[in-house]
């Protein structure tokens, strides 16, 4: 089970975008990669199509490995753990012990 979910705010801890923060747009569970808003921007050359009449050069986010991001809790990067509260499995921030969801 992955410790980061879609919609979480994360901080990049390594790579060219180190120390940048963004919101998780999607997760590829099979390859353990996440797409983060405004992180790992790549330049892509596109051919004209029905969706994009002109084609040309566009910039978009590319996925990064899930191990390169950390969950942000109250502005600080923290590890995430699981525990059972009232019979339900919940995520919690390891630095503060507070339940995330």
PDB file of N, CA and C in Angstrom:
ATOM      1  N   UNK A   1       0.847  -1.187   0.000  1.00  0.00           N
ATOM      2  CA  UNK A   1       0.000   0.000   0.000  1.00  0.00           C
ATOM      3  C   UNK A   1       0.893   1.251   0.000  1.00  0.00           C
ATOM      4  N   UNK A   2       0.559   2.189  -0.864  1.00  0.00           N
ATOM      5  CA  UNK A   2       1.334   3.417  -0.949  1.00  0.00           C
ATOM      6  C   UNK A   2       0.908   4.404   0.126  1.00  0.00           C
ATOM      7  N   UNK A   3       1.841   5.181   0.607  1.00  0.00           N
ATOM      8  CA  UNK A   3       1.571   6.094   1.708  1.00  0.00           C
ATOM      9  C   UNK A   3       1.177   7.481   1.240  1.00  0.00           C
ATOM     10  N   UNK A   4       1.203   7.721  -0.076  1.00  0.00           N
ATOM     11  CA  UNK A   4       0.822   9.015  -0.631  1.00  0.00           C
ATOM     12  C   UNK A   4      -0.392   8.808  -1.521  1.00  0.00           C
ATOM     13  N   UNK A   5      -1.357   9.719  -1.423  1.00  0.00           N
ATOM     14  CA  UNK A   5      -2.585   9.616  -2.191  1.00  0.00           C
ATOM     15  C   UNK A   5      -2.747  10.819  -3.106  1.00  0.00           C
ATOM     16  N   UNK A   6      -3.638  10.687  -4.065  1.00  0.00           N
ATOM     17  CA  UNK A   6      -3.975  11.783  -4.964  1.00  0.00           C
ATOM     18  C   UNK A   6      -4.553  12.933  -4.140  1.00  0.00           C
ATOM     19  N   UNK A   7      -4.083  14.154  -4.414  1.00  0.00           N
ATOM     20  CA  UNK A   7      -4.563  15.319  -3.683  1.00  0.00           C
ATOM     21  C   UNK A   7      -3.677  15.726  -2.519  1.00  0.00           C
ATOM     22  N   UNK A   8      -2.745  14.878  -2.105  1.00  0.00           N
ATOM     23  CA  UNK A   8      -1.810  15.216  -1.030  1.00  0.00           C
ATOM     24  C   UNK A   8      -0.833  16.288  -1.502  1.00  0.00           C
ATOM     25  N   UNK A   9      -0.375  17.112  -0.573  1.00  0.00           N
ATOM     26  CA  UNK A   9       0.692  18.059  -0.866  1.00  0.00           C
ATOM     27  C   UNK A   9       2.007  17.396  -0.475  1.00  0.00           C
ATOM     28  N   UNK A  10       2.959  17.400  -1.403  1.00  0.00           N
ATOM     29  CA  UNK A  10       4.225  16.718  -1.166  1.00  0.00           C
ATOM     30  C   UNK A  10       5.393  17.657  -1.442  1.00  0.00           C
ATOM     31  N   UNK A  11       6.557  17.277  -0.922  1.00  0.00           N
ATOM     32  CA  UNK A  11       7.797  18.015  -1.138  1.00  0.00           C
ATOM     33  C   UNK A  11       8.785  17.078  -1.810  1.00  0.00           C
ATOM     34  N   UNK A  12       9.465  17.579  -2.850  1.00  0.00           N
ATOM     35  CA  UNK A  12      10.468  16.777  -3.544  1.00  0.00           C
ATOM     36  C   UNK A  12      11.744  16.792  -2.714  1.00  0.00           C
ATOM     37  N   UNK A  13      12.315  15.620  -2.432  1.00  0.00           N
ATOM     38  CA  UNK A  13      13.480  15.553  -1.549  1.00  0.00           C
ATOM     39  C   UNK A  13      14.776  15.293  -2.290  1.00  0.00           C
ATOM     40  N   UNK A  14      14.705  14.971  -3.576  1.00  0.00           N
ATOM     41  CA  UNK A  14      15.919  14.752  -4.347  1.00  0.00           C
ATOM     42  C   UNK A  14      15.655  14.993  -5.826  1.00  0.00           C
ATOM     43  N   UNK A  15      16.709  15.273  -6.568  1.00  0.00           N
ATOM     44  CA  UNK A  15      16.576  15.484  -8.005  1.00  0.00           C
ATOM     45  C   UNK A  15      16.650  16.952  -8.376  1.00  0.00           C
ATOM     46  N   UNK A  16      16.347  17.245  -9.648  1.00  0.00           N
ATOM     47  CA  UNK A  16      16.500  18.607 -10.148  1.00  0.00           C
ATOM     48  C   UNK A  16      15.497  19.578  -9.537  1.00  0.00           C
ATOM     49  N   UNK A  17      14.383  19.089  -9.036  1.00  0.00           N
ATOM     50  CA  UNK A  17      13.360  19.942  -8.429  1.00  0.00           C
ATOM     51  C   UNK A  17      13.361  19.849  -6.907  1.00  0.00           C
ATOM     52  N   UNK A  18      14.511  19.545  -6.313  1.00  0.00           N
ATOM     53  CA  UNK A  18      14.619  19.382  -4.865  1.00  0.00           C
ATOM     54  C   UNK A  18      14.093  20.617  -4.140  1.00  0.00           C
ATOM     55  N   UNK A  19      13.366  20.393  -3.037  1.00  0.00           N
ATOM     56  CA  UNK A  19      12.778  21.406  -2.151  1.00  0.00           C
ATOM     57  C   UNK A  19      11.559  22.106  -2.740  1.00  0.00           C
ATOM     58  N   UNK A  20      11.089  21.712  -3.911  1.00  0.00           N
ATOM     59  CA  UNK A  20       9.855  22.276  -4.449  1.00  0.00           C
ATOM     60  C   UNK A  20       8.672  21.504  -3.890  1.00  0.00           C
ATOM     61  N   UNK A  21       7.531  22.178  -3.817  1.00  0.00           N
ATOM     62  CA  UNK A  21       6.328  21.566  -3.277  1.00  0.00           C
ATOM     63  C   UNK A  21       5.225  21.597  -4.317  1.00  0.00           C
ATOM     64  N   UNK A  22       4.328  20.639  -4.245  1.00  0.00           N
ATOM     65  CA  UNK A  22       3.216  20.593  -5.181  1.00  0.00           C
ATOM     66  C   UNK A  22       2.175  19.582  -4.756  1.00  0.00           C
ATOM     67  N   UNK A  23       1.057  19.611  -5.481  1.00  0.00           N
ATOM     68  CA  UNK A  23      -0.063  18.733  -5.192  1.00  0.00           C
ATOM     69  C   UNK A  23       0.006  17.518  -6.109  1.00  0.00           C
ATOM     70  N   UNK A  24      -0.279  16.339  -5.577  1.00  0.00           N
ATOM     71  CA  UNK A  24      -0.239  15.111  -6.357  1.00  0.00           C
ATOM     72  C   UNK A  24      -1.457  15.075  -7.280  1.00  0.00           C
ATOM     73  N   UNK A  25      -1.206  14.977  -8.600  1.00  0.00           N
ATOM     74  CA  UNK A  25      -2.279  14.938  -9.589  1.00  0.00           C
ATOM     75  C   UNK A  25      -2.732  13.514  -9.878  1.00  0.00           C
ATOM     76  N   UNK A  26      -1.781  12.585  -9.945  1.00  0.00           N
ATOM     77  CA  UNK A  26      -2.131  11.184 -10.183  1.00  0.00           C
ATOM     78  C   UNK A  26      -1.009  10.279  -9.688  1.00  0.00           C
ATOM     79  N   UNK A  27      -1.365   9.001  -9.516  1.00  0.00           N
ATOM     80  CA  UNK A  27      -0.409   8.010  -9.032  1.00  0.00           C
ATOM     81  C   UNK A  27      -0.460   6.798  -9.941  1.00  0.00           C
ATOM     82  N   UNK A  28       0.720   6.304 -10.335  1.00  0.00           N
ATOM     83  CA  UNK A  28       0.840   5.066 -11.086  1.00  0.00           C
ATOM     84  C   UNK A  28       1.305   4.000 -10.087  1.00  0.00           C
ATOM     85  N   UNK A  29       0.375   3.225  -9.587  1.00  0.00           N
ATOM     86  CA  UNK A  29       0.693   2.246  -8.538  1.00  0.00           C
ATOM     87  C   UNK A  29       1.587   1.123  -9.041  1.00  0.00           C
ATOM     88  N   UNK A  30       1.423   0.733 -10.293  1.00  0.00           N
ATOM     89  CA  UNK A  30       2.206  -0.374 -10.841  1.00  0.00           C
ATOM     90  C   UNK A  30       3.696  -0.029 -10.881  1.00  0.00           C
ATOM     91  N   UNK A  31       4.024   1.186 -11.319  1.00  0.00           N
ATOM     92  CA  UNK A  31       5.426   1.590 -11.444  1.00  0.00           C
ATOM     93  C   UNK A  31       5.904   2.459 -10.275  1.00  0.00           C
ATOM     94  N   UNK A  32       5.050   2.711  -9.285  1.00  0.00           N
ATOM     95  CA  UNK A  32       5.365   3.521  -8.096  1.00  0.00           C
ATOM     96  C   UNK A  32       5.872   4.903  -8.489  1.00  0.00           C
ATOM     97  N   UNK A  33       5.085   5.595  -9.329  1.00  0.00           N
ATOM     98  CA  UNK A  33       5.450   6.942  -9.771  1.00  0.00           C
ATOM     99  C   UNK A  33       4.281   7.883  -9.527  1.00  0.00           C
ATOM    100  N   UNK A  34       4.609   9.145  -9.260  1.00  0.00           N
ATOM    101  CA  UNK A  34       3.577  10.156  -9.016  1.00  0.00           C
ATOM    102  C   UNK A  34       3.760  11.318  -9.977  1.00  0.00           C
ATOM    103  N   UNK A  35       2.633  11.961 -10.308  1.00  0.00           N
ATOM    104  CA  UNK A  35       2.635  13.154 -11.136  1.00  0.00           C
ATOM    105  C   UNK A  35       2.305  14.317 -10.211  1.00  0.00           C
ATOM    106  N   UNK A  36       3.259  15.241 -10.044  1.00  0.00           N
ATOM    107  CA  UNK A  36       3.095  16.351  -9.108  1.00  0.00           C
ATOM    108  C   UNK A  36       2.981  17.653  -9.889  1.00  0.00           C
ATOM    109  N   UNK A  37       2.025  18.484  -9.477  1.00  0.00           N
ATOM    110  CA  UNK A  37       1.750  19.753 -10.144  1.00  0.00           C
ATOM    111  C   UNK A  37       2.970  20.674 -10.105  1.00  0.00           C
ATOM    112  N   UNK A  38       3.458  21.083 -11.286  1.00  0.00           N
ATOM    113  CA  UNK A  38       4.564  22.027 -11.382  1.00  0.00           C
ATOM    114  C   UNK A  38       5.947  21.433 -11.164  1.00  0.00           C
ATOM    115  N   UNK A  39       6.052  20.115 -11.053  1.00  0.00           N
ATOM    116  CA  UNK A  39       7.326  19.445 -10.785  1.00  0.00           C
ATOM    117  C   UNK A  39       7.710  18.593 -11.993  1.00  0.00           C
ATOM    118  N   UNK A  40       9.012  18.529 -12.269  1.00  0.00           N
ATOM    119  CA  UNK A  40       9.562  17.737 -13.369  1.00  0.00           C
ATOM    120  C   UNK A  40       8.944  18.130 -14.712  1.00  0.00           C
ATOM    121  N   UNK A  41       9.013  19.413 -15.033  1.00  0.00           N
ATOM    122  CA  UNK A  41       8.475  19.930 -16.290  1.00  0.00           C
ATOM    123  C   UNK A  41       9.394  19.498 -17.438  1.00  0.00           C
ATOM    124  N   UNK A  42       8.800  18.882 -18.465  1.00  0.00           N
ATOM    125  CA  UNK A  42       9.560  18.456 -19.634  1.00  0.00           C
ATOM    126  C   UNK A  42       8.990  19.131 -20.874  1.00  0.00           C
ATOM    127  N   UNK A  43       9.836  19.296 -21.896  1.00  0.00           N
ATOM    128  CA  UNK A  43       9.417  19.871 -23.168  1.00  0.00           C
ATOM    129  C   UNK A  43       9.069  18.727 -24.109  1.00  0.00           C
ATOM    130  N   UNK A  44       7.887  18.807 -24.697  1.00  0.00           N
ATOM    131  CA  UNK A  44       7.416  17.726 -25.559  1.00  0.00           C
ATOM    132  C   UNK A  44       7.052  18.301 -26.925  1.00  0.00           C
ATOM    133  N   UNK A  45       7.512  17.645 -27.977  1.00  0.00           N
ATOM    134  CA  UNK A  45       7.185  18.046 -29.344  1.00  0.00           C
ATOM    135  C   UNK A  45       5.965  17.244 -29.787  1.00  0.00           C
ATOM    136  N   UNK A  46       4.893  17.936 -30.182  1.00  0.00           N
ATOM    137  CA  UNK A  46       3.663  17.249 -30.548  1.00  0.00           C
ATOM    138  C   UNK A  46       3.308  17.504 -32.006  1.00  0.00           C
ATOM    139  N   UNK A  47       2.759  16.475 -32.631  1.00  0.00           N
ATOM    140  CA  UNK A  47       2.279  16.600 -34.005  1.00  0.00           C
ATOM    141  C   UNK A  47       0.869  17.185 -33.967  1.00  0.00           C
ATOM    142  N   UNK A  48       0.448  17.856 -35.031  1.00  0.00           N
ATOM    143  CA  UNK A  48      -0.942  18.339 -35.076  1.00  0.00           C
ATOM    144  C   UNK A  48      -1.924  17.167 -34.994  1.00  0.00           C
ATOM    145  N   UNK A  49      -2.994  17.364 -34.214  1.00  0.00           N
ATOM    146  CA  UNK A  49      -4.010  16.332 -34.062  1.00  0.00           C
ATOM    147  C   UNK A  49      -5.361  17.015 -33.911  1.00  0.00           C
ATOM    148  N   UNK A  50      -6.400  16.226 -33.722  1.00  0.00           N
ATOM    149  CA  UNK A  50      -7.742  16.789 -33.546  1.00  0.00           C
ATOM    150  C   UNK A  50      -7.820  17.625 -32.274  1.00  0.00           C
ATOM    151  N   UNK A  51      -7.156  17.171 -31.225  1.00  0.00           N
ATOM    152  CA  UNK A  51      -7.177  17.897 -29.955  1.00  0.00           C
ATOM    153  C   UNK A  51      -6.308  19.151 -30.008  1.00  0.00           C
ATOM    154  N   UNK A  52      -5.147  19.056 -30.656  1.00  0.00           N
ATOM    155  CA  UNK A  52      -4.215  20.178 -30.752  1.00  0.00           C
ATOM    156  C   UNK A  52      -3.966  20.459 -32.237  1.00  0.00           C
ATOM    157  N   UNK A  53      -4.687  21.430 -32.793  1.00  0.00           N
ATOM    158  CA  UNK A  53      -4.646  21.694 -34.231  1.00  0.00           C
ATOM    159  C   UNK A  53      -3.259  22.097 -34.722  1.00  0.00           C
ATOM    160  N   UNK A  54      -2.540  22.888 -33.924  1.00  0.00           N
ATOM    161  CA  UNK A  54      -1.262  23.422 -34.375  1.00  0.00           C
ATOM    162  C   UNK A  54      -0.085  22.487 -34.122  1.00  0.00           C
ATOM    163  N   UNK A  55      -0.149  21.689 -33.081  1.00  0.00           N
ATOM    164  CA  UNK A  55       1.017  20.905 -32.696  1.00  0.00           C
ATOM    165  C   UNK A  55       2.047  21.832 -32.084  1.00  0.00           C
ATOM    166  N   UNK A  56       3.311  21.505 -32.197  1.00  0.00           N
ATOM    167  CA  UNK A  56       4.369  22.380 -31.694  1.00  0.00           C
ATOM    168  C   UNK A  56       4.993  21.873 -30.425  1.00  0.00           C
ATOM    169  N   UNK A  57       5.639  22.783 -29.698  1.00  0.00           N
ATOM    170  CA  UNK A  57       6.374  22.436 -28.490  1.00  0.00           C
ATOM    171  C   UNK A  57       5.536  22.823 -27.274  1.00  0.00           C
ATOM    172  N   UNK A  58       5.269  21.852 -26.412  1.00  0.00           N
ATOM    173  CA  UNK A  58       4.512  22.131 -25.190  1.00  0.00           C
ATOM    174  C   UNK A  58       5.341  21.700 -23.983  1.00  0.00           C
ATOM    175  N   UNK A  59       4.994  22.260 -22.825  1.00  0.00           N
ATOM    176  CA  UNK A  59       5.648  21.862 -21.581  1.00  0.00           C
ATOM    177  C   UNK A  59       4.610  21.221 -20.685  1.00  0.00           C
ATOM    178  N   UNK A  60       4.966  20.078 -20.096  1.00  0.00           N
ATOM    179  CA  UNK A  60       4.041  19.374 -19.222  1.00  0.00           C
ATOM    180  C   UNK A  60       4.811  18.658 -18.121  1.00  0.00           C
ATOM    181  N   UNK A  61       4.077  18.241 -17.079  1.00  0.00           N
ATOM    182  CA  UNK A  61       4.689  17.518 -15.974  1.00  0.00           C
ATOM    183  C   UNK A  61       4.934  16.069 -16.375  1.00  0.00           C
ATOM    184  N   UNK A  62       6.049  15.536 -15.920  1.00  0.00           N
ATOM    185  CA  UNK A  62       6.350  14.123 -16.118  1.00  0.00           C
ATOM    186  C   UNK A  62       6.369  13.447 -14.747  1.00  0.00           C
ATOM    187  N   UNK A  63       6.052  12.153 -14.686  1.00  0.00           N
ATOM    188  CA  UNK A  63       6.034  11.475 -13.388  1.00  0.00           C
ATOM    189  C   UNK A  63       7.430  11.318 -12.794  1.00  0.00           C
ATOM    190  N   UNK A  64       7.489  11.319 -11.458  1.00  0.00           N
ATOM    191  CA  UNK A  64       8.740  11.056 -10.748  1.00  0.00           C
ATOM    192  C   UNK A  64       8.503   9.890  -9.791  1.00  0.00           C
ATOM    193  N   UNK A  65       9.577   9.276  -9.347  1.00  0.00           N
ATOM    194  CA  UNK A  65       9.450   8.125  -8.459  1.00  0.00           C
ATOM    195  C   UNK A  65       8.870   8.547  -7.117  1.00  0.00           C
ATOM    196  N   UNK A  66       8.023   7.706  -6.574  1.00  0.00           N
ATOM    197  CA  UNK A  66       7.339   8.033  -5.315  1.00  0.00           C
ATOM    198  C   UNK A  66       8.315   8.139  -4.138  1.00  0.00           C
ATOM    199  N   UNK A  67       9.485   7.494  -4.269  1.00  0.00           N
ATOM    200  CA  UNK A  67      10.470   7.562  -3.194  1.00  0.00           C
ATOM    201  C   UNK A  67      11.155   8.930  -3.140  1.00  0.00           C
ATOM    202  N   UNK A  68      10.988   9.747  -4.160  1.00  0.00           N
ATOM    203  CA  UNK A  68      11.616  11.068  -4.205  1.00  0.00           C
ATOM    204  C   UNK A  68      10.739  12.170  -3.632  1.00  0.00           C
ATOM    205  N   UNK A  69       9.580  11.827  -3.097  1.00  0.00           N
ATOM    206  CA  UNK A  69       8.695  12.830  -2.496  1.00  0.00           C
ATOM    207  C   UNK A  69       8.346  12.434  -1.071  1.00  0.00           C
ATOM    208  N   UNK A  70       8.081  13.457  -0.247  1.00  0.00           N
ATOM    209  CA  UNK A  70       7.635  13.243   1.138  1.00  0.00           C
ATOM    210  C   UNK A  70       6.365  14.018   1.384  1.00  0.00           C
ATOM    211  N   UNK A  71       5.495  13.470   2.191  1.00  0.00           N
ATOM    212  CA  UNK A  71       4.233  14.109   2.540  1.00  0.00           C
ATOM    213  C   UNK A  71       4.493  15.381   3.353  1.00  0.00           C
ATOM    214  N   UNK A  72       3.754  16.453   3.053  1.00  0.00           N
ATOM    215  CA  UNK A  72       3.874  17.708   3.805  1.00  0.00           C
ATOM    216  C   UNK A  72       2.738  17.795   4.812  1.00  0.00           C
ATOM    217  N   UNK A  73       3.105  17.908   6.088  1.00  0.00           N
ATOM    218  CA  UNK A  73       2.114  18.041   7.156  1.00  0.00           C
ATOM    219  C   UNK A  73       2.408  19.337   7.909  1.00  0.00           C
ATOM    220  N   UNK A  74       1.503  20.286   7.809  1.00  0.00           N
ATOM    221  CA  UNK A  74       1.662  21.606   8.447  1.00  0.00           C
ATOM    222  C   UNK A  74       2.961  22.286   8.017  1.00  0.00           C
ATOM    223  N   UNK A  75       3.277  22.179   6.706  1.00  0.00           N
ATOM    224  CA  UNK A  75       4.437  22.858   6.159  1.00  0.00           C
ATOM    225  C   UNK A  75       5.767  22.147   6.332  1.00  0.00           C
ATOM    226  N   UNK A  76       5.766  20.983   6.979  1.00  0.00           N
ATOM    227  CA  UNK A  76       7.005  20.242   7.186  1.00  0.00           C
ATOM    228  C   UNK A  76       6.892  18.860   6.559  1.00  0.00           C
ATOM    229  N   UNK A  77       7.993  18.417   5.941  1.00  0.00           N
ATOM    230  CA  UNK A  77       8.024  17.080   5.358  1.00  0.00           C
ATOM    231  C   UNK A  77       8.082  16.047   6.474  1.00  0.00           C
ATOM    232  N   UNK A  78       7.285  15.003   6.341  1.00  0.00           N
ATOM    233  CA  UNK A  78       7.237  13.977   7.366  1.00  0.00           C
ATOM    234  C   UNK A  78       7.038  12.610   6.740  1.00  0.00           C
ATOM    235  N   UNK A  79       7.476  11.591   7.465  1.00  0.00           N
ATOM    236  CA  UNK A  79       7.193  10.229   7.042  1.00  0.00           C
ATOM    237  C   UNK A  79       5.754   9.905   7.429  1.00  0.00           C
ATOM    238  N   UNK A  80       5.190   8.931   6.746  1.00  0.00           N
ATOM    239  CA  UNK A  80       3.804   8.549   6.980  1.00  0.00           C
ATOM    240  C   UNK A  80       3.768   7.110   7.463  1.00  0.00           C
ATOM    241  N   UNK A  81       2.937   6.871   8.477  1.00  0.00           N
ATOM    242  CA  UNK A  81       2.769   5.514   8.986  1.00  0.00           C
ATOM    243  C   UNK A  81       1.300   5.146   9.012  1.00  0.00           C
ATOM    244  N   UNK A  82       1.022   3.897   9.309  1.00  0.00           N
ATOM    245  CA  UNK A  82      -0.346   3.413   9.425  1.00  0.00           C
ATOM    246  C   UNK A  82      -0.576   2.902  10.839  1.00  0.00           C
ATOM    247  N   UNK A  83      -1.788   3.138  11.349  1.00  0.00           N
ATOM    248  CA  UNK A  83      -2.193   2.549  12.614  1.00  0.00           C
ATOM    249  C   UNK A  83      -3.707   2.380  12.612  1.00  0.00           C
ATOM    250  N   UNK A  84      -4.197   1.596  13.573  1.00  0.00           N
ATOM    251  CA  UNK A  84      -5.628   1.344  13.652  1.00  0.00           C
ATOM    252  C   UNK A  84      -6.244   2.224  14.722  1.00  0.00           C
ATOM    253  N   UNK A  85      -7.253   2.991  14.324  1.00  0.00           N
ATOM    254  CA  UNK A  85      -8.010   3.849  15.246  1.00  0.00           C
ATOM    255  C   UNK A  85      -9.465   3.430  15.158  1.00  0.00           C
ATOM    256  N   UNK A  86     -10.020   2.946  16.249  1.00  0.00           N
ATOM    257  CA  UNK A  86     -11.421   2.535  16.322  1.00  0.00           C
ATOM    258  C   UNK A  86     -11.781   1.550  15.212  1.00  0.00           C
ATOM    259  N   UNK A  87     -10.896   0.596  14.965  1.00  0.00           N
ATOM    260  CA  UNK A  87     -11.155  -0.442  13.974  1.00  0.00           C
ATOM    261  C   UNK A  87     -10.879  -0.058  12.537  1.00  0.00           C
ATOM    262  N   UNK A  88     -10.428   1.169  12.298  1.00  0.00           N
ATOM    263  CA  UNK A  88     -10.118   1.607  10.937  1.00  0.00           C
ATOM    264  C   UNK A  88      -8.633   1.848  10.795  1.00  0.00           C
ATOM    265  N   UNK A  89      -8.103   1.505   9.625  1.00  0.00           N
ATOM    266  CA  UNK A  89      -6.691   1.753   9.326  1.00  0.00           C
ATOM    267  C   UNK A  89      -6.560   3.186   8.831  1.00  0.00           C
ATOM    268  N   UNK A  90      -5.736   3.994   9.499  1.00  0.00           N
ATOM    269  CA  UNK A  90      -5.578   5.402   9.143  1.00  0.00           C
ATOM    270  C   UNK A  90      -4.099   5.740   8.965  1.00  0.00           C
ATOM    271  N   UNK A  91      -3.852   6.794   8.183  1.00  0.00           N
ATOM    272  CA  UNK A  91      -2.484   7.289   8.019  1.00  0.00           C
ATOM    273  C   UNK A  91      -2.222   8.327   9.105  1.00  0.00           C
ATOM    274  N   UNK A  92      -0.976   8.385   9.555  1.00  0.00           N
ATOM    275  CA  UNK A  92      -0.615   9.406  10.534  1.00  0.00           C
ATOM    276  C   UNK A  92       0.787   9.925  10.240  1.00  0.00           C
ATOM    277  N   UNK A  93       1.033  11.195  10.636  1.00  0.00           N
ATOM    278  CA  UNK A  93       2.338  11.814  10.449  1.00  0.00           C
ATOM    279  C   UNK A  93       3.257  11.355  11.570  1.00  0.00           C
ATOM    280  N   UNK A  94       4.403  10.820  11.215  1.00  0.00           N
ATOM    281  CA  UNK A  94       5.299  10.262  12.231  1.00  0.00           C
ATOM    282  C   UNK A  94       5.956  11.329  13.091  1.00  0.00           C
ATOM    283  N   UNK A  95       6.116  12.569  12.581  1.00  0.00           N
ATOM    284  CA  UNK A  95       6.754  13.614  13.380  1.00  0.00           C
ATOM    285  C   UNK A  95       5.864  14.074  14.525  1.00  0.00           C
ATOM    286  N   UNK A  96       4.562  14.208  14.259  1.00  0.00           N
ATOM    287  CA  UNK A  96       3.660  14.725  15.280  1.00  0.00           C
ATOM    288  C   UNK A  96       2.745  13.658  15.876  1.00  0.00           C
ATOM    289  N   UNK A  97       2.555  12.567  15.154  1.00  0.00           N
ATOM    290  CA  UNK A  97       1.642  11.524  15.610  1.00  0.00           C
ATOM    291  C   UNK A  97       0.194  11.818  15.292  1.00  0.00           C
ATOM    292  N   UNK A  98      -0.079  12.927  14.594  1.00  0.00           N
ATOM    293  CA  UNK A  98      -1.461  13.307  14.267  1.00  0.00           C
ATOM    294  C   UNK A  98      -1.980  12.485  13.083  1.00  0.00           C
ATOM    295  N   UNK A  99      -3.268  12.217  13.121  1.00  0.00           N
ATOM    296  CA  UNK A  99      -3.907  11.453  12.058  1.00  0.00           C
ATOM    297  C   UNK A  99      -4.118  12.355  10.844  1.00  0.00           C
ATOM    298  N   UNK A 100      -3.767  11.844   9.660  1.00  0.00           N
ATOM    299  CA  UNK A 100      -3.913  12.608   8.422  1.00  0.00           C
ATOM    300  C   UNK A 100      -5.325  12.491   7.878  1.00  0.00           C
ATOM    301  N   UNK A 101      -5.793  11.243   7.756  1.00  0.00           N
ATOM    302  CA  UNK A 101      -7.161  11.052   7.256  1.00  0.00           C
ATOM    303  C   UNK A 101      -7.763   9.773   7.833  1.00  0.00           C
TER     304      UNK A 101
END
